[in-house]
């Protein structure tokens, strides 16, 4: 299941999740939290779905289908974060991957003012895996993202986030700069740095959504969190390479979910 916002450009959001789930062999269900007017160039507008209707979607799916893994993306409001957290607290959202989508890649805020507190207090404690990028990790912890410029700082952020309750934390290093794109994983008190080569490309829209969806797919297939994270990173890296020469849209284009490149 993906609990996320819709991207009309189909590069990110629940559309990216659906493509990832299909590519990795799991059947997808959806809970829509927001509808965006969005393209490769940015977000033009957002319509937030009422939390009560988000709850109704969750109820409809969970009472009918055997959901084995769940990922969250854009939740859009603190009230919706609270709704999802309530289901998680009941144990109804197994293998929960929380991708705290707080700001769009173009810089638009995608969550109301109380949303960060709702994430840290209500939802993150129930996460099997949390997957913030550098900016999201800093925002969740009240830090200045401009100060996150090395792996050691990423490790410190990941350890502090792990103390909030997630079983595993992945702080993504895609925005770190330089030739490498390392991700820092904290699991069971152990720190692992997953190295990765930075691919020169303008087509990176939806990489975070796709990574969290791929981790959820791995968990649904029965993988342990570290194995699911490793396979998901490999999948997304391959998808970035496959789309490097694509020319779709005027901004940051999508990645190659299905290995077409």
Protein backbone atom coordinates (compact mmCIF):
# COMPACT_ATOMS: atom_id res chain seq x y z
CA UNK A 1 0.00 0.00 0.00
CA UNK A 2 1.10 3.54 -0.72
CA UNK A 3 -0.35 6.41 1.29
CA UNK A 4 0.72 9.42 -0.71
CA UNK A 5 -0.11 12.37 -2.92
CA UNK A 6 -0.76 12.25 -6.64
CA UNK A 7 1.74 13.77 -9.11
CA UNK A 8 0.06 14.85 -12.36
CA UNK A 9 3.43 14.64 -14.09
CA UNK A 10 3.65 11.01 -12.91
CA UNK A 11 7.33 11.15 -12.02
CA UNK A 12 6.91 11.12 -8.25
CA UNK A 13 4.21 10.52 -5.66
CA UNK A 14 1.88 7.58 -5.80
CA UNK A 15 2.40 7.24 -9.57
CA UNK A 16 6.10 6.54 -8.97
CA UNK A 17 5.11 4.15 -6.18
CA UNK A 18 2.75 2.23 -8.48
CA UNK A 19 5.44 1.88 -11.14
CA UNK A 20 7.98 0.71 -8.57
CA UNK A 21 5.61 -1.83 -7.03
CA UNK A 22 4.74 -3.19 -10.48
CA UNK A 23 8.40 -3.42 -11.51
CA UNK A 24 9.25 -5.32 -8.32
CA UNK A 25 6.37 -7.77 -8.46
CA UNK A 26 3.95 -6.67 -5.77
CA UNK A 27 0.28 -5.72 -6.15
CA UNK A 28 -0.31 -2.08 -5.20
CA UNK A 29 -3.17 -0.47 -3.33
CA UNK A 30 -3.45 3.30 -2.85
CA UNK A 31 -4.63 5.82 -0.31
CA UNK A 32 -4.62 9.31 -1.83
CA UNK A 33 -3.75 12.14 0.58
CA UNK A 34 -3.49 15.06 -1.84
CA UNK A 35 -3.76 15.92 -5.52
CA UNK A 36 -1.05 18.12 -6.98
CA UNK A 37 -0.86 20.12 -10.20
CA UNK A 38 2.74 19.22 -10.90
CA UNK A 39 5.22 18.79 -13.73
CA UNK A 40 8.95 18.30 -14.13
CA UNK A 41 9.27 22.06 -13.60
CA UNK A 42 7.62 22.20 -10.17
CA UNK A 43 4.41 22.18 -8.14
CA UNK A 44 1.75 24.65 -9.29
CA UNK A 45 -0.91 23.75 -6.73
CA UNK A 46 -2.03 21.28 -4.07
CA UNK A 47 -5.49 20.14 -3.05
CA UNK A 48 -5.43 18.29 0.28
CA UNK A 49 -7.82 15.38 0.80
CA UNK A 50 -9.85 15.61 3.99
CA UNK A 51 -8.33 13.42 6.73
CA UNK A 52 -11.70 11.71 7.28
CA UNK A 53 -11.69 10.57 3.66
CA UNK A 54 -8.08 9.40 3.95
CA UNK A 55 -9.26 7.35 6.91
CA UNK A 56 -12.13 5.94 4.86
CA UNK A 57 -9.73 4.83 2.12
CA UNK A 58 -7.54 3.11 4.70
CA UNK A 59 -10.53 1.38 6.21
CA UNK A 60 -11.82 0.22 2.82
CA UNK A 61 -8.52 -1.38 1.81
CA UNK A 62 -7.39 -2.77 5.16
CA UNK A 63 -10.74 -4.43 5.91
CA UNK A 64 -10.72 -6.18 2.54
CA UNK A 65 -7.14 -7.01 1.53
CA UNK A 66 -4.14 -8.65 3.24
CA UNK A 67 -1.70 -5.74 3.12
CA UNK A 68 1.85 -6.94 3.83
CA UNK A 69 3.80 -3.66 3.62
CA UNK A 70 2.98 0.04 3.60
CA UNK A 71 4.82 3.18 2.60
CA UNK A 72 3.90 6.77 3.27
CA UNK A 73 4.81 9.69 1.07
CA UNK A 74 3.27 13.14 1.05
CA UNK A 75 0.74 13.25 3.90
CA UNK A 76 0.00 16.98 3.44
CA UNK A 77 -1.40 17.82 6.90
CA UNK A 78 -0.71 17.11 10.55
CA UNK A 79 -4.25 15.75 10.84
CA UNK A 80 -3.56 13.16 8.15
CA UNK A 81 -0.26 12.22 9.80
CA UNK A 82 -2.27 11.62 12.98
CA UNK A 83 -4.81 9.44 11.13
CA UNK A 84 -2.06 7.27 9.66
CA UNK A 85 -0.27 7.09 13.00
CA UNK A 86 -3.45 5.87 14.69
CA UNK A 87 -3.71 2.96 12.24
CA UNK A 88 -0.01 2.23 12.75
CA UNK A 89 -0.44 2.23 16.53
CA UNK A 90 -3.10 -0.46 16.16
CA UNK A 91 -0.60 -2.64 14.29
CA UNK A 92 -2.63 -2.36 11.08
CA UNK A 93 0.23 -1.02 8.93
CA UNK A 94 2.82 -3.82 8.81
CA UNK A 95 6.35 -3.21 7.52
CA UNK A 96 5.76 0.54 7.57
CA UNK A 97 8.19 2.63 5.52
CA UNK A 98 7.90 6.33 6.35
CA UNK A 99 9.22 8.72 3.72
CA UNK A 100 8.66 12.10 5.38
CA UNK A 101 7.89 14.25 2.35
CA UNK A 102 8.07 17.75 3.81
CA UNK A 103 9.32 19.95 0.94
CA UNK A 104 9.20 19.44 -2.83
CA UNK A 105 12.44 19.33 -4.83
CA UNK A 106 11.53 22.79 -6.14
CA UNK A 107 11.36 24.12 -2.56
CA UNK A 108 7.59 24.23 -1.99
CA UNK A 109 6.48 23.30 1.54
CA UNK A 110 4.23 20.22 1.36
CA UNK A 111 3.11 19.99 5.00
CA UNK A 112 1.45 22.37 7.42
CA UNK A 113 3.27 23.88 10.38
CA UNK A 114 2.36 21.21 12.95
CA UNK A 115 3.24 18.36 10.62
CA UNK A 116 6.87 18.00 11.68
CA UNK A 117 5.84 17.54 15.32
CA UNK A 118 3.19 15.03 14.27
CA UNK A 119 5.82 13.02 12.41
CA UNK A 120 8.33 12.96 15.25
CA UNK A 121 5.82 12.33 18.06
CA UNK A 122 3.19 10.16 16.39
CA UNK A 123 4.34 8.41 13.23
CA UNK A 124 8.08 7.80 13.28
CA UNK A 125 7.91 5.64 16.44
CA UNK A 126 5.91 3.07 14.45
CA UNK A 127 8.17 2.98 11.39
CA UNK A 128 9.99 -0.16 10.36
CA UNK A 129 12.12 2.05 8.12
CA UNK A 130 12.28 5.85 7.89
CA UNK A 131 13.84 7.35 4.75
CA UNK A 132 14.38 11.13 5.06
CA UNK A 133 16.68 12.97 2.73
CA UNK A 134 19.21 15.42 4.18
CA UNK A 135 16.81 18.35 4.28
CA UNK A 136 14.00 16.31 5.81
CA UNK A 137 16.27 14.82 8.45
CA UNK A 138 17.49 18.27 9.44
CA UNK A 139 13.96 19.71 9.47
CA UNK A 140 12.63 16.87 11.62
CA UNK A 141 15.38 17.54 14.16
CA UNK A 142 15.25 21.34 14.02
CA UNK A 143 18.68 21.64 12.43
CA UNK A 144 19.96 23.90 9.66
CA UNK A 145 20.22 21.83 6.48
CA UNK A 146 23.07 24.05 5.24
CA UNK A 147 25.24 22.57 7.99
CA UNK A 148 24.79 19.01 6.68
CA UNK A 149 27.80 18.73 4.41
CA UNK A 150 29.56 15.48 5.33
CA UNK A 151 28.88 11.85 6.17
CA UNK A 152 29.71 12.30 9.84
CA UNK A 153 26.89 14.83 10.20
CA UNK A 154 24.56 12.48 8.33
CA UNK A 155 25.44 9.73 10.81
CA UNK A 156 24.68 12.02 13.75
CA UNK A 157 21.28 12.94 12.27
CA UNK A 158 20.44 9.29 11.56
CA UNK A 159 21.30 8.24 15.12
CA UNK A 160 19.15 11.02 16.59
CA UNK A 161 16.24 10.05 14.35
CA UNK A 162 16.64 6.40 15.34
CA UNK A 163 16.28 7.48 18.97
CA UNK A 164 12.73 8.65 18.11
CA UNK A 165 11.66 5.05 17.59
CA UNK A 166 12.04 3.82 13.99
CA UNK A 167 13.59 0.36 13.78
CA UNK A 168 15.80 1.48 10.90
CA UNK A 169 16.70 4.94 9.59
CA UNK A 170 18.09 5.74 6.15
CA UNK A 171 19.36 9.29 5.67
CA UNK A 172 19.71 9.72 1.93
CA UNK A 173 22.75 11.57 0.64
CA UNK A 174 21.57 12.50 -2.82
CA UNK A 175 21.81 16.21 -1.99
CA UNK A 176 25.22 15.96 -0.30
CA UNK A 177 27.20 17.10 -3.34
CA UNK A 178 30.37 15.69 -4.85
CA UNK A 179 30.90 12.60 -6.97
CA UNK A 180 29.48 10.15 -4.44
CA UNK A 181 25.90 9.66 -3.25
CA UNK A 182 26.17 7.82 0.09
CA UNK A 183 23.22 6.78 2.22
CA UNK A 184 23.62 6.34 5.96
CA UNK A 185 21.71 3.47 7.60
CA UNK A 186 21.24 3.03 11.36
CA UNK A 187 19.81 -0.33 12.38
CA UNK A 188 19.99 -1.92 15.81
CA UNK A 189 22.55 0.64 16.93
CA UNK A 190 24.87 -0.20 14.03
CA UNK A 191 25.81 2.38 11.39
CA UNK A 192 26.28 1.34 7.78
CA UNK A 193 27.27 3.67 4.95
CA UNK A 194 26.00 2.53 1.56
CA UNK A 195 28.25 4.06 -1.04
CA UNK A 196 26.91 4.99 -4.44
CA UNK A 197 28.20 6.69 -7.57
CA UNK A 198 26.54 9.97 -8.49
CA UNK A 199 25.11 9.80 -12.01
CA UNK A 200 25.31 13.05 -14.01
CA UNK A 201 21.66 13.54 -14.97
CA UNK A 202 18.81 16.00 -14.78
CA UNK A 203 16.34 13.14 -14.52
CA UNK A 204 16.00 12.48 -10.80
CA UNK A 205 12.37 13.37 -10.12
CA UNK A 206 10.79 10.80 -7.82
CA UNK A 207 13.94 9.05 -6.66
CA UNK A 208 12.99 9.32 -2.97
CA UNK A 209 9.45 8.08 -3.56
CA UNK A 210 10.78 5.20 -5.64
CA UNK A 211 13.37 4.22 -3.03
CA UNK A 212 10.85 4.03 -0.19
CA UNK A 213 8.42 2.12 -2.41
CA UNK A 214 11.17 -0.31 -3.39
CA UNK A 215 12.04 -0.88 0.27
CA UNK A 216 8.37 -1.59 1.02
CA UNK A 217 8.27 -4.03 -1.91
CA UNK A 218 11.31 -5.83 -0.53
CA UNK A 219 9.74 -6.08 2.91
CA UNK A 220 6.54 -7.42 1.30
CA UNK A 221 8.66 -10.13 -0.34
CA UNK A 222 9.99 -11.11 3.08
CA UNK A 223 13.40 -9.42 3.05
CA UNK A 224 14.91 -8.09 6.26
CA UNK A 225 15.19 -4.28 6.37
CA UNK A 226 18.90 -4.06 5.52
CA UNK A 227 18.53 -6.39 2.55
CA UNK A 228 15.44 -4.53 1.36
CA UNK A 229 17.29 -1.21 1.58
CA UNK A 230 20.30 -2.56 -0.30
CA UNK A 231 18.17 -3.99 -3.11
CA UNK A 232 16.10 -0.81 -3.29
CA UNK A 233 19.21 1.36 -3.64
CA UNK A 234 20.43 -0.88 -6.47
CA UNK A 235 17.04 -0.66 -8.19
CA UNK A 236 16.88 3.14 -8.01
CA UNK A 237 20.50 3.55 -9.13
CA UNK A 238 19.76 1.40 -12.18
CA UNK A 239 16.62 3.44 -12.89
CA UNK A 240 18.59 6.71 -12.72
CA UNK A 241 21.21 5.39 -15.14
CA UNK A 242 18.51 4.12 -17.51
CA UNK A 243 16.86 7.55 -17.78
CA UNK A 244 20.02 9.67 -17.92
CA UNK A 245 19.61 10.43 -21.64
CA UNK A 246 15.84 10.97 -21.59
CA UNK A 247 14.30 14.32 -22.50
CA UNK A 248 10.86 14.51 -20.90
CA UNK A 249 9.68 17.92 -19.77
CA UNK A 250 11.51 21.16 -19.15
CA UNK A 251 12.74 20.42 -15.63
CA UNK A 252 13.80 17.39 -13.60
CA UNK A 253 12.56 14.38 -15.55
CA UNK A 254 11.49 10.96 -14.24
CA UNK A 255 13.61 7.85 -13.76
CA UNK A 256 13.42 4.57 -15.67
CA UNK A 257 11.27 2.35 -13.46
CA UNK A 258 10.91 -0.48 -15.95
CA UNK A 259 14.42 -0.81 -17.38
CA UNK A 260 13.59 0.71 -20.76
CA UNK A 261 16.89 2.59 -21.05
